[in-house]
Amino acid sequence: MKIIEAITSAGPKVTVKEIPPAAVAGMNVAGITLPELVQLVTLLWLVILIVDKVWSLVQRWKKGQVEDGPV
């Protein structure tokens, strides 16, 4: 009886510990490795920053405030 109690009480702890490796393995099955995911997220973040900078420069240029100094 003690063996069954030990197995059932350790179940959630073991499951939580196995989630990160299972997620990485799942990404590998989907064709995306962890380094590729990091590169994609970094690229997306850089594109967002560049678009935001260009947008703010265009808005300042339309208002005639480009000569006021750095953004």
PDB file of N, CA and C in Angstrom:
ATOM      1  N   MET A   1       0.817  -1.191   0.000  1.00  0.00           N
ATOM      2  CA  MET A   1       0.000   0.000   0.000  1.00  0.00           C
ATOM      3  C   MET A   1       0.862   1.256   0.000  1.00  0.00           C
ATOM      4  N   LYS A   2       1.989   1.220   0.705  1.00  0.00           N
ATOM      5  CA  LYS A   2       2.852   2.385   0.746  1.00  0.00           C
ATOM      6  C   LYS A   2       3.476   2.667  -0.617  1.00  0.00           C
ATOM      7  N   ILE A   3       3.720   1.638  -1.390  1.00  0.00           N
ATOM      8  CA  ILE A   3       4.299   1.825  -2.726  1.00  0.00           C
ATOM      9  C   ILE A   3       3.317   2.572  -3.623  1.00  0.00           C
ATOM     10  N   ILE A   4       2.048   2.218  -3.571  1.00  0.00           N
ATOM     11  CA  ILE A   4       1.037   2.889  -4.395  1.00  0.00           C
ATOM     12  C   ILE A   4       0.906   4.344  -3.984  1.00  0.00           C
ATOM     13  N   GLU A   5       0.935   4.636  -2.683  1.00  0.00           N
ATOM     14  CA  GLU A   5       0.847   6.006  -2.212  1.00  0.00           C
ATOM     15  C   GLU A   5       2.062   6.810  -2.663  1.00  0.00           C
ATOM     16  N   ALA A   6       3.225   6.208  -2.636  1.00  0.00           N
ATOM     17  CA  ALA A   6       4.434   6.907  -3.076  1.00  0.00           C
ATOM     18  C   ALA A   6       4.382   7.209  -4.562  1.00  0.00           C
ATOM     19  N   ILE A   7       3.875   6.300  -5.349  1.00  0.00           N
ATOM     20  CA  ILE A   7       3.787   6.517  -6.794  1.00  0.00           C
ATOM     21  C   ILE A   7       2.772   7.606  -7.120  1.00  0.00           C
ATOM     22  N   THR A   8       1.623   7.574  -6.473  1.00  0.00           N
ATOM     23  CA  THR A   8       0.591   8.566  -6.773  1.00  0.00           C
ATOM     24  C   THR A   8       0.965   9.948  -6.254  1.00  0.00           C
ATOM     25  N   SER A   9       1.690  10.037  -5.153  1.00  0.00           N
ATOM     26  CA  SER A   9       2.076  11.347  -4.638  1.00  0.00           C
ATOM     27  C   SER A   9       3.228  11.945  -5.436  1.00  0.00           C
ATOM     28  N   ALA A  10       4.049  11.122  -6.065  1.00  0.00           N
ATOM     29  CA  ALA A  10       5.171  11.627  -6.855  1.00  0.00           C
ATOM     30  C   ALA A  10       4.773  11.930  -8.287  1.00  0.00           C
ATOM     31  N   GLY A  11       3.585  11.559  -8.692  1.00  0.00           N
ATOM     32  CA  GLY A  11       3.144  11.751 -10.079  1.00  0.00           C
ATOM     33  C   GLY A  11       3.198  13.182 -10.577  1.00  0.00           C
ATOM     34  N   PRO A  12       2.572  14.146  -9.900  1.00  0.00           N
ATOM     35  CA  PRO A  12       2.614  15.527 -10.386  1.00  0.00           C
ATOM     36  C   PRO A  12       4.029  16.115 -10.402  1.00  0.00           C
ATOM     37  N   LYS A  13       4.852  15.760  -9.431  1.00  0.00           N
ATOM     38  CA  LYS A  13       6.212  16.293  -9.387  1.00  0.00           C
ATOM     39  C   LYS A  13       7.019  15.817 -10.593  1.00  0.00           C
ATOM     40  N   VAL A  14       6.869  14.571 -10.934  1.00  0.00           N
ATOM     41  CA  VAL A  14       7.595  14.026 -12.079  1.00  0.00           C
ATOM     42  C   VAL A  14       7.091  14.658 -13.364  1.00  0.00           C
ATOM     43  N   THR A  15       5.804  14.875 -13.469  1.00  0.00           N
ATOM     44  CA  THR A  15       5.229  15.463 -14.674  1.00  0.00           C
ATOM     45  C   THR A  15       5.734  16.884 -14.886  1.00  0.00           C
ATOM     46  N   VAL A  16       5.787  17.679 -13.833  1.00  0.00           N
ATOM     47  CA  VAL A  16       6.257  19.055 -13.942  1.00  0.00           C
ATOM     48  C   VAL A  16       7.726  19.090 -14.347  1.00  0.00           C
ATOM     49  N   LYS A  17       8.513  18.170 -13.846  1.00  0.00           N
ATOM     50  CA  LYS A  17       9.928  18.133 -14.184  1.00  0.00           C
ATOM     51  C   LYS A  17      10.154  17.707 -15.629  1.00  0.00           C
ATOM     52  N   GLU A  18       9.217  16.996 -16.217  1.00  0.00           N
ATOM     53  CA  GLU A  18       9.386  16.503 -17.585  1.00  0.00           C
ATOM     54  C   GLU A  18       8.849  17.455 -18.646  1.00  0.00           C
ATOM     55  N   ILE A  19       8.197  18.528 -18.266  1.00  0.00           N
ATOM     56  CA  ILE A  19       7.584  19.422 -19.245  1.00  0.00           C
ATOM     57  C   ILE A  19       8.619  20.116 -20.142  1.00  0.00           C
ATOM     58  N   PRO A  20       9.688  20.753 -19.626  1.00  0.00           N
ATOM     59  CA  PRO A  20      10.635  21.430 -20.531  1.00  0.00           C
ATOM     60  C   PRO A  20      11.281  20.499 -21.557  1.00  0.00           C
ATOM     61  N   PRO A  21      11.794  19.315 -21.177  1.00  0.00           N
ATOM     62  CA  PRO A  21      12.343  18.455 -22.225  1.00  0.00           C
ATOM     63  C   PRO A  21      11.285  17.999 -23.226  1.00  0.00           C
ATOM     64  N   ALA A  22      10.066  17.802 -22.763  1.00  0.00           N
ATOM     65  CA  ALA A  22       9.003  17.389 -23.680  1.00  0.00           C
ATOM     66  C   ALA A  22       8.679  18.516 -24.659  1.00  0.00           C
ATOM     67  N   ALA A  23       8.722  19.757 -24.194  1.00  0.00           N
ATOM     68  CA  ALA A  23       8.458  20.892 -25.091  1.00  0.00           C
ATOM     69  C   ALA A  23       9.549  21.007 -26.148  1.00  0.00           C
ATOM     70  N   VAL A  24      10.806  20.836 -25.754  1.00  0.00           N
ATOM     71  CA  VAL A  24      11.911  20.891 -26.713  1.00  0.00           C
ATOM     72  C   VAL A  24      11.795  19.752 -27.710  1.00  0.00           C
ATOM     73  N   ALA A  25      11.470  18.568 -27.229  1.00  0.00           N
ATOM     74  CA  ALA A  25      11.294  17.430 -28.136  1.00  0.00           C
ATOM     75  C   ALA A  25      10.114  17.669 -29.071  1.00  0.00           C
ATOM     76  N   GLY A  26       9.072  18.279 -28.574  1.00  0.00           N
ATOM     77  CA  GLY A  26       7.919  18.598 -29.412  1.00  0.00           C
ATOM     78  C   GLY A  26       8.259  19.592 -30.499  1.00  0.00           C
ATOM     79  N   MET A  27       9.101  20.573 -30.188  1.00  0.00           N
ATOM     80  CA  MET A  27       9.528  21.532 -31.200  1.00  0.00           C
ATOM     81  C   MET A  27      10.396  20.858 -32.245  1.00  0.00           C
ATOM     82  N   ASN A  28      11.222  19.917 -31.828  1.00  0.00           N
ATOM     83  CA  ASN A  28      12.040  19.202 -32.791  1.00  0.00           C
ATOM     84  C   ASN A  28      11.178  18.374 -33.727  1.00  0.00           C
ATOM     85  N   VAL A  29      10.102  17.820 -33.232  1.00  0.00           N
ATOM     86  CA  VAL A  29       9.190  17.051 -34.075  1.00  0.00           C
ATOM     87  C   VAL A  29       8.497  17.985 -35.065  1.00  0.00           C
ATOM     88  N   ALA A  30       8.161  19.188 -34.629  1.00  0.00           N
ATOM     89  CA  ALA A  30       7.491  20.147 -35.497  1.00  0.00           C
ATOM     90  C   ALA A  30       8.441  20.742 -36.523  1.00  0.00           C
ATOM     91  N   GLY A  31       9.737  20.475 -36.391  1.00  0.00           N
ATOM     92  CA  GLY A  31      10.702  20.982 -37.353  1.00  0.00           C
ATOM     93  C   GLY A  31      11.399  22.252 -36.924  1.00  0.00           C
ATOM     94  N   ILE A  32      11.133  22.714 -35.723  1.00  0.00           N
ATOM     95  CA  ILE A  32      11.770  23.933 -35.226  1.00  0.00           C
ATOM     96  C   ILE A  32      12.601  23.566 -34.005  1.00  0.00           C
ATOM     97  N   THR A  33      13.892  23.827 -34.075  1.00  0.00           N
ATOM     98  CA  THR A  33      14.740  23.568 -32.917  1.00  0.00           C
ATOM     99  C   THR A  33      14.768  24.805 -32.036  1.00  0.00           C
ATOM    100  N   LEU A  34      15.246  24.666 -30.831  1.00  0.00           N
ATOM    101  CA  LEU A  34      15.275  25.777 -29.887  1.00  0.00           C
ATOM    102  C   LEU A  34      16.138  26.936 -30.390  1.00  0.00           C
ATOM    103  N   PRO A  35      17.346  26.697 -30.913  1.00  0.00           N
ATOM    104  CA  PRO A  35      18.122  27.818 -31.450  1.00  0.00           C
ATOM    105  C   PRO A  35      17.422  28.538 -32.607  1.00  0.00           C
ATOM    106  N   GLU A  36      16.733  27.798 -33.451  1.00  0.00           N
ATOM    107  CA  GLU A  36      15.996  28.435 -34.543  1.00  0.00           C
ATOM    108  C   GLU A  36      14.860  29.295 -34.003  1.00  0.00           C
ATOM    109  N   LEU A  37      14.199  28.830 -32.962  1.00  0.00           N
ATOM    110  CA  LEU A  37      13.118  29.606 -32.361  1.00  0.00           C
ATOM    111  C   LEU A  37      13.654  30.905 -31.773  1.00  0.00           C
ATOM    112  N   VAL A  38      14.794  30.832 -31.106  1.00  0.00           N
ATOM    113  CA  VAL A  38      15.406  32.039 -30.531  1.00  0.00           C
ATOM    114  C   VAL A  38      15.778  33.014 -31.647  1.00  0.00           C
ATOM    115  N   GLN A  39      16.322  32.511 -32.747  1.00  0.00           N
ATOM    116  CA  GLN A  39      16.668  33.379 -33.872  1.00  0.00           C
ATOM    117  C   GLN A  39      15.431  34.034 -34.474  1.00  0.00           C
ATOM    118  N   LEU A  40      14.363  33.282 -34.622  1.00  0.00           N
ATOM    119  CA  LEU A  40      13.141  33.843 -35.186  1.00  0.00           C
ATOM    120  C   LEU A  40      12.538  34.925 -34.299  1.00  0.00           C
ATOM    121  N   VAL A  41      12.531  34.683 -32.999  1.00  0.00           N
ATOM    122  CA  VAL A  41      11.976  35.677 -32.070  1.00  0.00           C
ATOM    123  C   VAL A  41      12.848  36.934 -32.064  1.00  0.00           C
ATOM    124  N   THR A  42      14.179  36.761 -32.112  1.00  0.00           N
ATOM    125  CA  THR A  42      15.079  37.906 -32.157  1.00  0.00           C
ATOM    126  C   THR A  42      14.876  38.706 -33.439  1.00  0.00           C
ATOM    127  N   LEU A  43      14.748  38.021 -34.557  1.00  0.00           N
ATOM    128  CA  LEU A  43      14.513  38.692 -35.834  1.00  0.00           C
ATOM    129  C   LEU A  43      13.198  39.460 -35.813  1.00  0.00           C
ATOM    130  N   LEU A  44      12.164  38.847 -35.279  1.00  0.00           N
ATOM    131  CA  LEU A  44      10.870  39.516 -35.176  1.00  0.00           C
ATOM    132  C   LEU A  44      10.973  40.771 -34.310  1.00  0.00           C
ATOM    133  N   TRP A  45      11.684  40.691 -33.192  1.00  0.00           N
ATOM    134  CA  TRP A  45      11.844  41.835 -32.302  1.00  0.00           C
ATOM    135  C   TRP A  45      12.607  42.961 -32.999  1.00  0.00           C
ATOM    136  N   LEU A  46      13.661  42.622 -33.753  1.00  0.00           N
ATOM    137  CA  LEU A  46      14.415  43.637 -34.481  1.00  0.00           C
ATOM    138  C   LEU A  46      13.561  44.314 -35.548  1.00  0.00           C
ATOM    139  N   VAL A  47      12.747  43.548 -36.242  1.00  0.00           N
ATOM    140  CA  VAL A  47      11.856  44.129 -37.251  1.00  0.00           C
ATOM    141  C   VAL A  47      10.873  45.092 -36.598  1.00  0.00           C
ATOM    142  N   ILE A  48      10.343  44.718 -35.450  1.00  0.00           N
ATOM    143  CA  ILE A  48       9.413  45.605 -34.733  1.00  0.00           C
ATOM    144  C   ILE A  48      10.112  46.902 -34.337  1.00  0.00           C
ATOM    145  N   LEU A  49      11.341  46.805 -33.823  1.00  0.00           N
ATOM    146  CA  LEU A  49      12.075  48.006 -33.427  1.00  0.00           C
ATOM    147  C   LEU A  49      12.378  48.901 -34.621  1.00  0.00           C
ATOM    148  N   ILE A  50      12.783  48.311 -35.748  1.00  0.00           N
ATOM    149  CA  ILE A  50      13.105  49.095 -36.935  1.00  0.00           C
ATOM    150  C   ILE A  50      11.860  49.784 -37.483  1.00  0.00           C
ATOM    151  N   VAL A  51      10.752  49.064 -37.544  1.00  0.00           N
ATOM    152  CA  VAL A  51       9.506  49.660 -38.045  1.00  0.00           C
ATOM    153  C   VAL A  51       9.068  50.799 -37.133  1.00  0.00           C
ATOM    154  N   ASP A  52       9.199  50.640 -35.833  1.00  0.00           N
ATOM    155  CA  ASP A  52       8.835  51.702 -34.894  1.00  0.00           C
ATOM    156  C   ASP A  52       9.712  52.936 -35.092  1.00  0.00           C
ATOM    157  N   LYS A  53      10.997  52.738 -35.283  1.00  0.00           N
ATOM    158  CA  LYS A  53      11.926  53.862 -35.487  1.00  0.00           C
ATOM    159  C   LYS A  53      11.611  54.596 -36.787  1.00  0.00           C
ATOM    160  N   VAL A  54      11.408  53.842 -37.851  1.00  0.00           N
ATOM    161  CA  VAL A  54      11.085  54.464 -39.138  1.00  0.00           C
ATOM    162  C   VAL A  54       9.756  55.208 -39.046  1.00  0.00           C
ATOM    163  N   TRP A  55       8.786  54.616 -38.385  1.00  0.00           N
ATOM    164  CA  TRP A  55       7.479  55.261 -38.227  1.00  0.00           C
ATOM    165  C   TRP A  55       7.616  56.591 -37.477  1.00  0.00           C
ATOM    166  N   SER A  56       8.384  56.599 -36.400  1.00  0.00           N
ATOM    167  CA  SER A  56       8.534  57.844 -35.635  1.00  0.00           C
ATOM    168  C   SER A  56       9.303  58.893 -36.438  1.00  0.00           C
ATOM    169  N   LEU A  57      10.301  58.467 -37.234  1.00  0.00           N
ATOM    170  CA  LEU A  57      11.024  59.426 -38.074  1.00  0.00           C
ATOM    171  C   LEU A  57      10.128  60.010 -39.154  1.00  0.00           C
ATOM    172  N   VAL A  58       9.290  59.190 -39.747  1.00  0.00           N
ATOM    173  CA  VAL A  58       8.361  59.681 -40.773  1.00  0.00           C
ATOM    174  C   VAL A  58       7.372  60.661 -40.164  1.00  0.00           C
ATOM    175  N   GLN A  59       6.867  60.347 -38.992  1.00  0.00           N
ATOM    176  CA  GLN A  59       5.918  61.252 -38.334  1.00  0.00           C
ATOM    177  C   GLN A  59       6.580  62.588 -38.002  1.00  0.00           C
ATOM    178  N   ARG A  60       7.812  62.556 -37.515  1.00  0.00           N
ATOM    179  CA  ARG A  60       8.527  63.804 -37.221  1.00  0.00           C
ATOM    180  C   ARG A  60       8.831  64.576 -38.502  1.00  0.00           C
ATOM    181  N   TRP A  61       9.160  63.877 -39.575  1.00  0.00           N
ATOM    182  CA  TRP A  61       9.461  64.530 -40.842  1.00  0.00           C
ATOM    183  C   TRP A  61       8.214  65.228 -41.388  1.00  0.00           C
ATOM    184  N   LYS A  62       7.051  64.576 -41.252  1.00  0.00           N
ATOM    185  CA  LYS A  62       5.806  65.177 -41.716  1.00  0.00           C
ATOM    186  C   LYS A  62       5.466  66.445 -40.938  1.00  0.00           C
ATOM    187  N   LYS A  63       5.841  66.473 -39.674  1.00  0.00           N
ATOM    188  CA  LYS A  63       5.567  67.645 -38.839  1.00  0.00           C
ATOM    189  C   LYS A  63       6.657  68.699 -38.968  1.00  0.00           C
ATOM    190  N   GLY A  64       7.759  68.377 -39.632  1.00  0.00           N
ATOM    191  CA  GLY A  64       8.839  69.332 -39.801  1.00  0.00           C
ATOM    192  C   GLY A  64       9.732  69.447 -38.580  1.00  0.00           C
ATOM    193  N   GLN A  65       9.844  68.399 -37.790  1.00  0.00           N
ATOM    194  CA  GLN A  65      10.633  68.436 -36.564  1.00  0.00           C
ATOM    195  C   GLN A  65      11.925  67.634 -36.677  1.00  0.00           C
ATOM    196  N   VAL A  66      12.389  67.333 -37.856  1.00  0.00           N
ATOM    197  CA  VAL A  66      13.563  66.494 -38.021  1.00  0.00           C
ATOM    198  C   VAL A  66      14.813  67.214 -37.533  1.00  0.00           C
ATOM    199  N   GLU A  67      14.859  68.536 -37.630  1.00  0.00           N
ATOM    200  CA  GLU A  67      16.061  69.292 -37.262  1.00  0.00           C
ATOM    201  C   GLU A  67      16.254  69.458 -35.756  1.00  0.00           C
ATOM    202  N   ASP A  68      15.320  69.004 -34.945  1.00  0.00           N
ATOM    203  CA  ASP A  68      15.370  69.234 -33.507  1.00  0.00           C
ATOM    204  C   ASP A  68      16.389  68.367 -32.791  1.00  0.00           C
ATOM    205  N   GLY A  69      17.007  67.419 -33.435  1.00  0.00           N
ATOM    206  CA  GLY A  69      17.996  66.576 -32.776  1.00  0.00           C
ATOM    207  C   GLY A  69      17.604  65.108 -32.834  1.00  0.00           C
ATOM    208  N   PRO A  70      18.343  64.290 -32.074  1.00  0.00           N
ATOM    209  CA  PRO A  70      18.070  62.843 -32.120  1.00  0.00           C
ATOM    210  C   PRO A  70      16.702  62.511 -31.535  1.00  0.00           C
ATOM    211  N   VAL A  71      16.212  61.381 -31.954  1.00  0.00           N
ATOM    212  CA  VAL A  71      14.885  60.922 -31.506  1.00  0.00           C
ATOM    213  C   VAL A  71      14.998  60.380 -30.106  1.00  0.00           C
TER     214      VAL A  71
END
